[in-house]
Amino acid sequence: MEIRPELPTDASSVRRVHRIAFGDHGQVVGELVADLRQLLTTETGLSYVAVEGSEVVGHILFTPAVLDAPRELVAVQVLSPLAVLPTCQGSGVGSALVTMGIQIMAARSVPVVFLEGDPDYYSRFGFLSGEHHCFRRPSLRIPKPAFQALTLPSYESWMTGTLVYPDAFWRHDAVGLRGADRVAEWSDGRDESPAGPPQRRPDLRDGPARLALDS
């Protein structure tokens, strides 16, 4: 497997990966990626693919965002989205993409990487709840457990405050979850209902939240 920067000729293959990986929401995610990719023509970010043979089987995107800290605005990065073809999930493709991306962000002196995702998956890379470092969510529709941050060597303790997403996330309504019951299920951290067995937490296949599939 090769992990490399996305090339212009990869665009249709990347769109296919998102369409298949995210099912009903694949088109929306693909449109979001196209908009965010344009952002990277003028600002620093990262778009990498995983290739098996000649097939693109995974994609990861890091885009610039701002942390509105009391002292000053801080340039940070958002990891979103991460997608791996279902046939390749569980084989380490996603982990390889995330690890490569984090290493590059650290080398570029990015202080913090944020994401919305499954803490059970992303904790292996060192991500913690955003609240752990006094970061505030850009929307209350983002479940608290899903709002995660990874501090890198350039991070300093004064860097607190509210994360501000790029406009593209709002244009595509790709922030947090829609539906009060589903937001409540995540926000209070419950894994089971009051009168029943454990419930499956919502993922990106259920709505617009950018939660990566297991990979």
N, C-alpha and C. Protein backbone atom coordinates (compact mmCIF):
# COMPACT_ATOMS: atom_id res chain seq x y z
N MET A 1 0.84 -1.20 0.00
CA MET A 1 0.00 0.00 0.00
C MET A 1 0.88 1.25 0.00
N GLU A 2 0.50 2.22 -0.81
CA GLU A 2 1.22 3.49 -0.90
C GLU A 2 0.35 4.61 -0.35
N ILE A 3 0.94 5.44 0.51
CA ILE A 3 0.29 6.66 0.99
C ILE A 3 0.99 7.83 0.33
N ARG A 4 0.26 8.64 -0.41
CA ARG A 4 0.89 9.74 -1.14
C ARG A 4 -0.08 10.92 -1.26
N PRO A 5 0.45 12.10 -1.66
CA PRO A 5 -0.43 13.24 -1.88
C PRO A 5 -1.44 12.96 -3.00
N GLU A 6 -2.63 13.51 -2.84
CA GLU A 6 -3.63 13.39 -3.90
C GLU A 6 -3.16 14.18 -5.12
N LEU A 7 -3.34 13.59 -6.30
CA LEU A 7 -3.02 14.24 -7.56
C LEU A 7 -4.31 14.72 -8.22
N PRO A 8 -4.23 15.70 -9.13
CA PRO A 8 -5.44 16.14 -9.84
C PRO A 8 -6.15 15.00 -10.54
N THR A 9 -5.40 14.01 -11.00
CA THR A 9 -6.00 12.87 -11.70
C THR A 9 -6.71 11.91 -10.75
N ASP A 10 -6.56 12.11 -9.44
CA ASP A 10 -7.21 11.24 -8.46
C ASP A 10 -8.63 11.68 -8.11
N ALA A 11 -9.05 12.85 -8.57
CA ALA A 11 -10.30 13.45 -8.09
C ALA A 11 -11.50 12.52 -8.23
N SER A 12 -11.66 11.89 -9.38
CA SER A 12 -12.82 11.02 -9.58
C SER A 12 -12.73 9.78 -8.70
N SER A 13 -11.53 9.26 -8.50
CA SER A 13 -11.36 8.09 -7.63
C SER A 13 -11.65 8.44 -6.18
N VAL A 14 -11.23 9.62 -5.75
CA VAL A 14 -11.51 10.06 -4.39
C VAL A 14 -13.02 10.23 -4.19
N ARG A 15 -13.67 10.81 -5.19
CA ARG A 15 -15.13 10.98 -5.12
C ARG A 15 -15.81 9.62 -4.99
N ARG A 16 -15.32 8.63 -5.72
CA ARG A 16 -15.88 7.27 -5.65
C ARG A 16 -15.71 6.69 -4.25
N VAL A 17 -14.53 6.87 -3.65
CA VAL A 17 -14.29 6.34 -2.30
C VAL A 17 -15.30 6.92 -1.32
N HIS A 18 -15.52 8.23 -1.37
CA HIS A 18 -16.47 8.85 -0.44
C HIS A 18 -17.90 8.41 -0.72
N ARG A 19 -18.23 8.28 -2.00
CA ARG A 19 -19.60 7.86 -2.35
C ARG A 19 -19.89 6.47 -1.80
N ILE A 20 -18.95 5.57 -1.92
CA ILE A 20 -19.16 4.20 -1.44
C ILE A 20 -19.07 4.13 0.08
N ALA A 21 -18.06 4.78 0.65
CA ALA A 21 -17.83 4.68 2.10
C ALA A 21 -18.95 5.31 2.90
N PHE A 22 -19.51 6.43 2.40
CA PHE A 22 -20.50 7.16 3.17
C PHE A 22 -21.92 6.93 2.69
N GLY A 23 -22.12 5.99 1.78
CA GLY A 23 -23.47 5.59 1.40
C GLY A 23 -24.36 6.74 0.99
N ASP A 24 -25.50 6.88 1.67
CA ASP A 24 -26.49 7.89 1.30
C ASP A 24 -25.94 9.31 1.35
N HIS A 25 -24.92 9.52 2.16
CA HIS A 25 -24.36 10.86 2.30
C HIS A 25 -23.09 11.05 1.48
N GLY A 26 -22.77 10.07 0.65
CA GLY A 26 -21.55 10.14 -0.12
C GLY A 26 -21.48 11.32 -1.06
N GLN A 27 -22.63 11.67 -1.67
CA GLN A 27 -22.63 12.80 -2.59
C GLN A 27 -22.34 14.10 -1.87
N VAL A 28 -22.98 14.29 -0.72
CA VAL A 28 -22.75 15.51 0.07
C VAL A 28 -21.29 15.61 0.49
N VAL A 29 -20.74 14.49 0.96
CA VAL A 29 -19.34 14.49 1.39
C VAL A 29 -18.43 14.79 0.20
N GLY A 30 -18.76 14.21 -0.95
CA GLY A 30 -17.95 14.47 -2.14
C GLY A 30 -17.95 15.94 -2.53
N GLU A 31 -19.12 16.58 -2.42
CA GLU A 31 -19.22 18.01 -2.73
C GLU A 31 -18.44 18.84 -1.71
N LEU A 32 -18.51 18.43 -0.44
CA LEU A 32 -17.74 19.11 0.60
C LEU A 32 -16.24 19.01 0.30
N VAL A 33 -15.79 17.82 -0.05
CA VAL A 33 -14.37 17.62 -0.36
C VAL A 33 -13.94 18.50 -1.52
N ALA A 34 -14.79 18.61 -2.54
CA ALA A 34 -14.45 19.44 -3.70
C ALA A 34 -14.26 20.90 -3.28
N ASP A 35 -15.14 21.40 -2.41
CA ASP A 35 -15.02 22.77 -1.93
C ASP A 35 -13.77 22.96 -1.07
N LEU A 36 -13.54 22.00 -0.18
CA LEU A 36 -12.37 22.11 0.70
C LEU A 36 -11.07 22.00 -0.09
N ARG A 37 -11.10 21.20 -1.14
CA ARG A 37 -9.91 21.06 -1.98
C ARG A 37 -9.55 22.40 -2.62
N GLN A 38 -10.56 23.18 -2.99
CA GLN A 38 -10.31 24.51 -3.54
C GLN A 38 -9.63 25.41 -2.52
N LEU A 39 -10.02 25.24 -1.26
CA LEU A 39 -9.42 26.02 -0.18
C LEU A 39 -7.91 25.78 -0.10
N LEU A 40 -7.50 24.56 -0.41
CA LEU A 40 -6.09 24.20 -0.31
C LEU A 40 -5.24 24.79 -1.44
N THR A 41 -5.89 25.40 -2.42
CA THR A 41 -5.11 26.05 -3.48
C THR A 41 -4.49 27.36 -3.00
N THR A 42 -5.05 27.93 -1.93
CA THR A 42 -4.53 29.20 -1.41
C THR A 42 -4.08 29.11 0.04
N GLU A 43 -4.44 28.04 0.73
CA GLU A 43 -4.07 27.90 2.14
C GLU A 43 -3.46 26.52 2.38
N THR A 44 -2.76 26.40 3.50
CA THR A 44 -2.05 25.16 3.81
C THR A 44 -2.98 24.12 4.40
N GLY A 45 -2.90 22.92 3.86
CA GLY A 45 -3.66 21.79 4.37
C GLY A 45 -3.01 20.52 3.87
N LEU A 46 -3.82 19.49 3.71
CA LEU A 46 -3.26 18.21 3.27
C LEU A 46 -4.37 17.35 2.70
N SER A 47 -4.12 16.77 1.55
CA SER A 47 -5.04 15.80 0.95
C SER A 47 -4.21 14.62 0.47
N TYR A 48 -4.36 13.47 1.15
CA TYR A 48 -3.58 12.28 0.84
C TYR A 48 -4.50 11.12 0.49
N VAL A 49 -3.97 10.22 -0.31
CA VAL A 49 -4.71 9.02 -0.69
C VAL A 49 -3.90 7.78 -0.33
N ALA A 50 -4.63 6.68 -0.13
CA ALA A 50 -4.02 5.36 0.02
C ALA A 50 -4.30 4.59 -1.26
N VAL A 51 -3.27 3.99 -1.82
CA VAL A 51 -3.39 3.30 -3.10
C VAL A 51 -2.93 1.86 -2.97
N GLU A 52 -3.79 0.95 -3.41
CA GLU A 52 -3.46 -0.48 -3.48
C GLU A 52 -3.40 -0.84 -4.95
N GLY A 53 -2.20 -1.23 -5.42
CA GLY A 53 -2.06 -1.47 -6.85
C GLY A 53 -2.23 -0.15 -7.58
N SER A 54 -3.26 -0.06 -8.39
CA SER A 54 -3.56 1.20 -9.07
C SER A 54 -4.87 1.82 -8.58
N GLU A 55 -5.45 1.25 -7.51
CA GLU A 55 -6.76 1.70 -7.03
C GLU A 55 -6.63 2.57 -5.78
N VAL A 56 -7.29 3.72 -5.81
CA VAL A 56 -7.39 4.56 -4.62
C VAL A 56 -8.41 3.93 -3.68
N VAL A 57 -7.97 3.55 -2.48
CA VAL A 57 -8.85 2.85 -1.54
C VAL A 57 -9.15 3.67 -0.28
N GLY A 58 -8.47 4.80 -0.13
CA GLY A 58 -8.70 5.63 1.04
C GLY A 58 -8.30 7.07 0.78
N HIS A 59 -8.88 7.97 1.56
CA HIS A 59 -8.57 9.40 1.40
C HIS A 59 -8.71 10.10 2.73
N ILE A 60 -7.83 11.07 2.97
CA ILE A 60 -7.91 11.89 4.18
C ILE A 60 -7.66 13.34 3.79
N LEU A 61 -8.35 14.24 4.50
CA LEU A 61 -8.24 15.66 4.20
C LEU A 61 -8.04 16.44 5.50
N PHE A 62 -7.05 17.31 5.51
CA PHE A 62 -6.85 18.26 6.59
C PHE A 62 -7.02 19.66 6.00
N THR A 63 -7.84 20.50 6.63
CA THR A 63 -8.05 21.84 6.13
C THR A 63 -7.83 22.87 7.23
N PRO A 64 -7.42 24.09 6.85
CA PRO A 64 -7.14 25.12 7.85
C PRO A 64 -8.40 25.64 8.51
N ALA A 65 -8.29 25.91 9.80
CA ALA A 65 -9.36 26.51 10.58
C ALA A 65 -8.72 27.47 11.57
N VAL A 66 -9.55 28.10 12.39
CA VAL A 66 -9.05 29.09 13.34
C VAL A 66 -9.54 28.77 14.73
N LEU A 67 -8.66 28.85 15.70
CA LEU A 67 -9.03 28.77 17.10
C LEU A 67 -9.09 30.20 17.64
N ASP A 68 -10.28 30.61 18.08
CA ASP A 68 -10.48 31.97 18.57
C ASP A 68 -10.07 32.04 20.04
N ALA A 69 -8.76 32.14 20.26
CA ALA A 69 -8.21 32.17 21.62
C ALA A 69 -8.28 33.59 22.18
N PRO A 70 -8.33 33.73 23.52
CA PRO A 70 -8.40 35.06 24.13
C PRO A 70 -7.24 35.97 23.73
N ARG A 71 -6.06 35.41 23.56
CA ARG A 71 -4.89 36.24 23.26
C ARG A 71 -4.85 36.65 21.80
N GLU A 72 -5.11 35.69 20.90
CA GLU A 72 -5.06 35.95 19.46
C GLU A 72 -5.65 34.77 18.72
N LEU A 73 -5.92 34.96 17.42
CA LEU A 73 -6.38 33.86 16.59
C LEU A 73 -5.22 32.90 16.34
N VAL A 74 -5.53 31.61 16.38
CA VAL A 74 -4.50 30.58 16.20
C VAL A 74 -4.86 29.73 14.98
N ALA A 75 -3.93 29.58 14.07
CA ALA A 75 -4.14 28.73 12.90
C ALA A 75 -4.02 27.26 13.30
N VAL A 76 -5.09 26.51 13.06
CA VAL A 76 -5.12 25.08 13.40
C VAL A 76 -5.59 24.31 12.17
N GLN A 77 -5.75 23.00 12.32
CA GLN A 77 -6.22 22.15 11.22
C GLN A 77 -7.38 21.28 11.67
N VAL A 78 -8.26 20.98 10.72
CA VAL A 78 -9.38 20.07 10.95
C VAL A 78 -9.21 18.83 10.09
N LEU A 79 -9.24 17.67 10.70
CA LEU A 79 -9.18 16.40 9.98
C LEU A 79 -10.61 16.03 9.60
N SER A 80 -10.92 16.15 8.33
CA SER A 80 -12.26 15.81 7.88
C SER A 80 -12.34 15.98 6.37
N PRO A 81 -12.84 14.97 5.67
CA PRO A 81 -13.22 13.65 6.18
C PRO A 81 -12.10 12.63 6.03
N LEU A 82 -12.33 11.47 6.60
CA LEU A 82 -11.51 10.28 6.39
C LEU A 82 -12.43 9.22 5.83
N ALA A 83 -12.05 8.61 4.72
CA ALA A 83 -12.88 7.58 4.12
C ALA A 83 -12.02 6.44 3.60
N VAL A 84 -12.51 5.22 3.80
CA VAL A 84 -11.84 4.01 3.31
C VAL A 84 -12.90 3.11 2.69
N LEU A 85 -12.60 2.54 1.55
CA LEU A 85 -13.54 1.61 0.92
C LEU A 85 -13.90 0.49 1.90
N PRO A 86 -15.17 0.10 1.98
CA PRO A 86 -15.58 -0.95 2.92
C PRO A 86 -14.77 -2.23 2.78
N THR A 87 -14.36 -2.58 1.56
CA THR A 87 -13.61 -3.81 1.36
C THR A 87 -12.21 -3.74 1.97
N CYS A 88 -11.75 -2.55 2.29
CA CYS A 88 -10.40 -2.37 2.85
C CYS A 88 -10.42 -1.94 4.30
N GLN A 89 -11.60 -1.77 4.87
CA GLN A 89 -11.68 -1.36 6.27
C GLN A 89 -11.21 -2.49 7.17
N GLY A 90 -10.55 -2.11 8.25
CA GLY A 90 -10.02 -3.10 9.17
C GLY A 90 -8.64 -3.60 8.80
N SER A 91 -8.07 -3.05 7.73
CA SER A 91 -6.75 -3.51 7.28
C SER A 91 -5.65 -2.49 7.55
N GLY A 92 -5.97 -1.43 8.27
CA GLY A 92 -4.96 -0.45 8.64
C GLY A 92 -4.82 0.72 7.69
N VAL A 93 -5.69 0.80 6.68
CA VAL A 93 -5.60 1.90 5.72
C VAL A 93 -5.87 3.24 6.41
N GLY A 94 -6.96 3.30 7.17
CA GLY A 94 -7.30 4.54 7.86
C GLY A 94 -6.23 4.95 8.84
N SER A 95 -5.71 3.99 9.59
CA SER A 95 -4.66 4.30 10.57
C SER A 95 -3.42 4.85 9.89
N ALA A 96 -3.07 4.28 8.74
CA ALA A 96 -1.89 4.76 8.01
C ALA A 96 -2.09 6.20 7.53
N LEU A 97 -3.28 6.51 7.06
CA LEU A 97 -3.57 7.86 6.59
C LEU A 97 -3.53 8.87 7.74
N VAL A 98 -4.17 8.51 8.86
CA VAL A 98 -4.19 9.41 10.01
C VAL A 98 -2.79 9.64 10.56
N THR A 99 -2.02 8.56 10.69
CA THR A 99 -0.66 8.68 11.23
C THR A 99 0.21 9.56 10.35
N MET A 100 0.13 9.35 9.04
CA MET A 100 0.91 10.18 8.11
C MET A 100 0.51 11.64 8.23
N GLY A 101 -0.79 11.90 8.27
CA GLY A 101 -1.27 13.27 8.37
C GLY A 101 -0.80 13.96 9.63
N ILE A 102 -0.87 13.27 10.75
CA ILE A 102 -0.44 13.84 12.03
C ILE A 102 1.05 14.17 11.99
N GLN A 103 1.84 13.28 11.43
CA GLN A 103 3.29 13.52 11.35
C GLN A 103 3.59 14.76 10.53
N ILE A 104 2.87 14.93 9.43
CA ILE A 104 3.09 16.11 8.58
C ILE A 104 2.65 17.38 9.29
N MET A 105 1.51 17.33 9.97
CA MET A 105 1.03 18.51 10.71
C MET A 105 2.02 18.91 11.80
N ALA A 106 2.58 17.94 12.49
CA ALA A 106 3.57 18.23 13.53
C ALA A 106 4.82 18.87 12.92
N ALA A 107 5.26 18.35 11.77
CA ALA A 107 6.44 18.90 11.11
C ALA A 107 6.20 20.32 10.62
N ARG A 108 4.95 20.67 10.36
CA ARG A 108 4.61 22.02 9.91
C ARG A 108 4.33 22.97 11.08
N SER A 109 4.55 22.48 12.30
CA SER A 109 4.33 23.28 13.51
C SER A 109 2.87 23.67 13.72
N VAL A 110 1.95 22.84 13.24
CA VAL A 110 0.53 23.04 13.56
C VAL A 110 0.34 22.71 15.04
N PRO A 111 -0.29 23.58 15.83
CA PRO A 111 -0.39 23.31 17.26
C PRO A 111 -1.48 22.32 17.66
N VAL A 112 -2.61 22.33 16.91
CA VAL A 112 -3.74 21.47 17.28
C VAL A 112 -4.44 20.97 16.02
N VAL A 113 -4.84 19.71 16.05
CA VAL A 113 -5.70 19.13 15.02
C VAL A 113 -7.03 18.77 15.68
N PHE A 114 -8.13 19.21 15.06
CA PHE A 114 -9.47 18.92 15.57
C PHE A 114 -10.20 17.97 14.63
N LEU A 115 -11.21 17.28 15.16
CA LEU A 115 -12.08 16.46 14.33
C LEU A 115 -13.39 16.18 15.06
N GLU A 116 -14.36 15.70 14.29
CA GLU A 116 -15.58 15.11 14.84
C GLU A 116 -15.52 13.63 14.51
N GLY A 117 -15.57 12.77 15.50
CA GLY A 117 -15.46 11.35 15.21
C GLY A 117 -15.63 10.48 16.42
N ASP A 118 -15.45 9.20 16.22
CA ASP A 118 -15.63 8.19 17.25
C ASP A 118 -14.42 8.19 18.18
N PRO A 119 -14.60 8.55 19.47
CA PRO A 119 -13.45 8.56 20.37
C PRO A 119 -12.80 7.20 20.55
N ASP A 120 -13.56 6.14 20.41
CA ASP A 120 -12.99 4.80 20.53
C ASP A 120 -11.96 4.54 19.43
N TYR A 121 -12.17 5.15 18.28
CA TYR A 121 -11.23 4.98 17.16
C TYR A 121 -10.06 5.95 17.26
N TYR A 122 -10.35 7.22 17.45
CA TYR A 122 -9.31 8.24 17.36
C TYR A 122 -8.45 8.36 18.61
N SER A 123 -8.88 7.80 19.71
CA SER A 123 -8.06 7.88 20.93
C SER A 123 -6.72 7.16 20.74
N ARG A 124 -6.67 6.19 19.85
CA ARG A 124 -5.42 5.45 19.63
C ARG A 124 -4.32 6.34 19.05
N PHE A 125 -4.73 7.48 18.47
CA PHE A 125 -3.75 8.41 17.90
C PHE A 125 -3.43 9.55 18.86
N GLY A 126 -4.04 9.53 20.04
CA GLY A 126 -3.77 10.56 21.03
C GLY A 126 -4.82 11.64 21.12
N PHE A 127 -5.90 11.53 20.35
CA PHE A 127 -6.96 12.53 20.43
C PHE A 127 -7.70 12.41 21.76
N LEU A 128 -8.02 13.57 22.33
CA LEU A 128 -8.78 13.65 23.57
C LEU A 128 -10.00 14.53 23.35
N SER A 129 -10.95 14.46 24.26
CA SER A 129 -12.10 15.36 24.21
C SER A 129 -11.61 16.80 24.14
N GLY A 130 -12.25 17.60 23.29
CA GLY A 130 -11.86 19.00 23.19
C GLY A 130 -11.94 19.73 24.51
N GLU A 131 -12.90 19.33 25.35
CA GLU A 131 -13.06 19.97 26.65
C GLU A 131 -11.84 19.77 27.55
N HIS A 132 -11.08 18.72 27.29
CA HIS A 132 -9.90 18.44 28.11
C HIS A 132 -8.93 19.62 28.10
N HIS A 133 -8.87 20.32 26.96
CA HIS A 133 -7.97 21.47 26.83
C HIS A 133 -8.75 22.79 26.79
N CYS A 134 -9.99 22.76 27.25
CA CYS A 134 -10.84 23.97 27.29
C CYS A 134 -11.14 24.52 25.90
N PHE A 135 -11.22 23.64 24.90
CA PHE A 135 -11.65 24.05 23.57
C PHE A 135 -13.18 24.00 23.52
N ARG A 136 -13.77 24.92 22.79
CA ARG A 136 -15.22 24.95 22.64
C ARG A 136 -15.61 24.56 21.22
N ARG A 137 -16.72 23.82 21.13
CA ARG A 137 -17.21 23.34 19.85
C ARG A 137 -17.71 24.49 18.98
N PRO A 138 -17.56 24.38 17.66
CA PRO A 138 -18.11 25.42 16.78
C PRO A 138 -19.63 25.37 16.69
N SER A 139 -20.25 24.29 17.14
CA SER A 139 -21.71 24.16 17.16
C SER A 139 -22.11 23.25 18.31
N LEU A 140 -23.22 23.59 18.97
CA LEU A 140 -23.72 22.73 20.04
C LEU A 140 -24.30 21.44 19.49
N ARG A 141 -24.49 21.36 18.18
CA ARG A 141 -24.98 20.11 17.58
C ARG A 141 -23.87 19.06 17.46
N ILE A 142 -22.65 19.46 17.73
CA ILE A 142 -21.56 18.49 17.75
C ILE A 142 -21.56 17.82 19.12
N PRO A 143 -21.80 16.53 19.20
CA PRO A 143 -21.80 15.85 20.50
C PRO A 143 -20.46 16.03 21.21
N LYS A 144 -20.50 16.26 22.49
CA LYS A 144 -19.26 16.49 23.24
C LYS A 144 -18.24 15.37 23.06
N PRO A 145 -18.65 14.08 23.14
CA PRO A 145 -17.64 13.02 22.97
C PRO A 145 -17.01 13.01 21.58
N ALA A 146 -17.77 13.48 20.57
CA ALA A 146 -17.28 13.45 19.19
C ALA A 146 -16.31 14.58 18.89
N PHE A 147 -16.37 15.66 19.65
CA PHE A 147 -15.49 16.81 19.43
C PHE A 147 -14.15 16.53 20.08
N GLN A 148 -13.15 16.27 19.24
CA GLN A 148 -11.86 15.83 19.75
C GLN A 148 -10.71 16.68 19.22
N ALA A 149 -9.63 16.69 19.98
CA ALA A 149 -8.47 17.49 19.62
C ALA A 149 -7.19 16.72 19.94
N LEU A 150 -6.20 16.94 19.10
CA LEU A 150 -4.87 16.39 19.33
C LEU A 150 -3.89 17.57 19.40
N THR A 151 -3.26 17.75 20.54
CA THR A 151 -2.26 18.81 20.66
C THR A 151 -0.90 18.28 20.22
N LEU A 152 -0.21 19.10 19.43
CA LEU A 152 1.09 18.73 18.88
C LEU A 152 2.18 19.57 19.55
N PRO A 153 3.45 19.31 19.28
CA PRO A 153 4.53 19.99 20.02
C PRO A 153 4.47 21.51 20.02
N SER A 154 3.87 22.13 19.00
CA SER A 154 3.81 23.60 18.95
C SER A 154 2.69 24.18 19.81
N TYR A 155 1.87 23.34 20.39
CA TYR A 155 0.76 23.81 21.23
C TYR A 155 1.28 24.46 22.50
N GLU A 156 0.62 25.55 22.92
CA GLU A 156 0.92 26.22 24.18
C GLU A 156 -0.36 26.31 25.01
N SER A 157 -0.22 26.32 26.31
CA SER A 157 -1.37 26.21 27.21
C SER A 157 -2.36 27.37 27.09
N TRP A 158 -1.92 28.53 26.60
CA TRP A 158 -2.85 29.66 26.44
C TRP A 158 -3.78 29.47 25.25
N MET A 159 -3.52 28.50 24.41
CA MET A 159 -4.33 28.28 23.21
C MET A 159 -5.62 27.56 23.59
N THR A 160 -6.60 28.32 24.04
CA THR A 160 -7.92 27.82 24.36
C THR A 160 -8.93 28.60 23.52
N GLY A 161 -10.21 28.31 23.67
CA GLY A 161 -11.21 29.10 22.96
C GLY A 161 -12.06 28.26 22.03
N THR A 162 -12.73 28.94 21.11
CA THR A 162 -13.72 28.32 20.23
C THR A 162 -13.11 28.01 18.86
N LEU A 163 -13.35 26.81 18.37
CA LEU A 163 -12.93 26.43 17.03
C LEU A 163 -13.88 27.06 16.01
N VAL A 164 -13.32 27.67 14.98
CA VAL A 164 -14.11 28.27 13.90
C VAL A 164 -13.84 27.50 12.62
N TYR A 165 -14.88 26.84 12.10
CA TYR A 165 -14.74 26.05 10.87
C TYR A 165 -14.68 26.94 9.63
N PRO A 166 -14.06 26.45 8.56
CA PRO A 166 -14.15 27.13 7.26
C PRO A 166 -15.61 27.18 6.79
N ASP A 167 -15.92 28.16 5.95
CA ASP A 167 -17.30 28.35 5.49
C ASP A 167 -17.87 27.12 4.80
N ALA A 168 -17.02 26.35 4.12
CA ALA A 168 -17.51 25.20 3.34
C ALA A 168 -18.30 24.22 4.20
N PHE A 169 -17.90 24.01 5.44
CA PHE A 169 -18.62 23.08 6.31
C PHE A 169 -20.05 23.55 6.55
N TRP A 170 -20.24 24.85 6.68
CA TRP A 170 -21.58 25.39 6.93
C TRP A 170 -22.42 25.38 5.66
N ARG A 171 -21.81 25.69 4.52
CA ARG A 171 -22.56 25.68 3.26
C ARG A 171 -23.15 24.32 2.97
N HIS A 172 -22.45 23.27 3.37
CA HIS A 172 -22.92 21.91 3.11
C HIS A 172 -23.63 21.30 4.32
N ASP A 173 -23.90 22.11 5.33
CA ASP A 173 -24.57 21.63 6.55
C ASP A 173 -23.88 20.38 7.07
N ALA A 174 -22.56 20.44 7.13
CA ALA A 174 -21.75 19.28 7.51
C ALA A 174 -21.14 19.48 8.89
N VAL A 175 -21.92 20.03 9.79
CA VAL A 175 -21.44 20.28 11.15
C VAL A 175 -22.37 19.59 12.13
N GLY A 176 -21.85 18.69 12.95
CA GLY A 176 -22.64 18.06 14.00
C GLY A 176 -23.74 17.16 13.48
N LEU A 177 -24.70 16.89 14.34
CA LEU A 177 -25.81 16.00 14.05
C LEU A 177 -27.11 16.78 13.97
N ARG A 178 -28.04 16.29 13.18
CA ARG A 178 -29.38 16.85 13.12
C ARG A 178 -30.32 15.92 13.85
N GLY A 179 -31.23 16.46 14.67
CA GLY A 179 -32.18 15.65 15.42
C GLY A 179 -31.86 15.70 16.89
N ALA A 180 -32.77 16.24 17.69
CA ALA A 180 -32.51 16.45 19.12
C ALA A 180 -32.20 15.16 19.85
N ASP A 181 -32.91 14.08 19.55
CA ASP A 181 -32.69 12.83 20.26
C ASP A 181 -31.29 12.29 20.01
N ARG A 182 -30.83 12.40 18.78
CA ARG A 182 -29.52 11.85 18.44
C ARG A 182 -28.41 12.69 19.05
N VAL A 183 -28.60 14.01 19.08
CA VAL A 183 -27.61 14.86 19.73
C VAL A 183 -27.54 14.56 21.21
N ALA A 184 -28.70 14.37 21.85
CA ALA A 184 -28.72 14.07 23.28
C ALA A 184 -28.05 12.74 23.57
N GLU A 185 -28.26 11.75 22.70
CA GLU A 185 -27.67 10.43 22.90
C GLU A 185 -26.15 10.52 23.00
N TRP A 186 -25.57 11.35 22.11
CA TRP A 186 -24.12 11.53 22.13
C TRP A 186 -23.68 12.48 23.23
N SER A 187 -24.40 13.59 23.38
CA SER A 187 -23.89 14.67 24.22
C SER A 187 -23.72 14.29 25.68
N ASP A 188 -24.60 13.42 26.19
CA ASP A 188 -24.44 13.07 27.59
C ASP A 188 -23.57 11.82 27.77
N GLY A 189 -23.03 11.31 26.67
CA GLY A 189 -22.08 10.21 26.75
C GLY A 189 -22.70 8.86 27.03
N ARG A 190 -24.04 8.75 26.91
CA ARG A 190 -24.67 7.47 27.23
C ARG A 190 -24.41 6.45 26.14
N ASP A 191 -24.16 5.23 26.55
CA ASP A 191 -24.02 4.12 25.61
C ASP A 191 -25.22 3.19 25.67
N GLU A 192 -26.13 3.44 26.58
CA GLU A 192 -27.31 2.59 26.65
C GLU A 192 -28.51 3.41 27.06
N SER A 193 -29.67 2.94 26.66
CA SER A 193 -30.90 3.65 26.99
C SER A 193 -31.31 3.33 28.41
N PRO A 194 -32.18 4.18 29.04
CA PRO A 194 -32.55 3.94 30.43
C PRO A 194 -33.22 2.59 30.65
N ALA A 195 -33.89 2.07 29.64
CA ALA A 195 -34.66 0.85 29.87
C ALA A 195 -34.37 -0.22 28.84
N GLY A 196 -33.18 -0.24 28.33
CA GLY A 196 -32.93 -1.23 27.29
C GLY A 196 -31.45 -1.52 27.14
N PRO A 197 -31.12 -2.34 26.16
CA PRO A 197 -29.73 -2.74 25.93
C PRO A 197 -28.93 -1.61 25.31
N PRO A 198 -27.60 -1.79 25.19
CA PRO A 198 -26.78 -0.76 24.57
C PRO A 198 -27.30 -0.38 23.19
N GLN A 199 -27.21 0.91 22.89
CA GLN A 199 -27.67 1.43 21.61
C GLN A 199 -26.47 1.80 20.75
N ARG A 200 -26.62 1.62 19.45
CA ARG A 200 -25.54 2.00 18.54
C ARG A 200 -25.50 3.51 18.43
N ARG A 201 -24.34 4.09 18.65
CA ARG A 201 -24.21 5.52 18.49
C ARG A 201 -24.30 5.88 17.00
N PRO A 202 -24.80 7.09 16.69
CA PRO A 202 -24.92 7.48 15.29
C PRO A 202 -23.56 7.70 14.66
N ASP A 203 -23.45 7.38 13.37
CA ASP A 203 -22.23 7.70 12.65
C ASP A 203 -22.59 8.45 11.38
N LEU A 204 -21.61 8.68 10.52
CA LEU A 204 -21.86 9.51 9.36
C LEU A 204 -22.91 8.92 8.44
N ARG A 205 -23.08 7.62 8.47
CA ARG A 205 -24.09 7.01 7.61
C ARG A 205 -25.49 7.38 8.06
N ASP A 206 -25.63 7.91 9.29
CA ASP A 206 -26.93 8.31 9.80
C ASP A 206 -27.22 9.79 9.59
N GLY A 207 -26.24 10.59 9.26
CA GLY A 207 -26.47 12.02 9.16
C GLY A 207 -25.24 12.75 8.70
N PRO A 208 -25.27 14.08 8.75
CA PRO A 208 -24.20 14.87 8.16
C PRO A 208 -22.95 15.00 9.01
N ALA A 209 -22.96 14.52 10.23
CA ALA A 209 -21.75 14.63 11.06
C ALA A 209 -20.60 13.90 10.38
N ARG A 210 -19.41 14.45 10.52
CA ARG A 210 -18.28 13.89 9.78
C ARG A 210 -17.54 12.88 10.63
N LEU A 211 -18.17 11.75 10.89
CA LEU A 211 -17.55 10.71 11.69
C LEU A 211 -16.98 9.66 10.76
N ALA A 212 -15.68 9.42 10.85
CA ALA A 212 -15.04 8.49 9.93
C ALA A 212 -15.50 7.06 10.18
N LEU A 213 -15.55 6.29 9.13
CA LEU A 213 -15.87 4.88 9.25
C LEU A 213 -14.68 4.14 9.83
N ASP A 214 -14.93 3.03 10.51
CA ASP A 214 -13.85 2.22 11.06
C ASP A 214 -12.90 1.81 9.94
N SER A 215 -11.64 1.93 10.20
CA SER A 215 -10.66 1.56 9.17
C SER A 215 -9.32 1.30 9.82
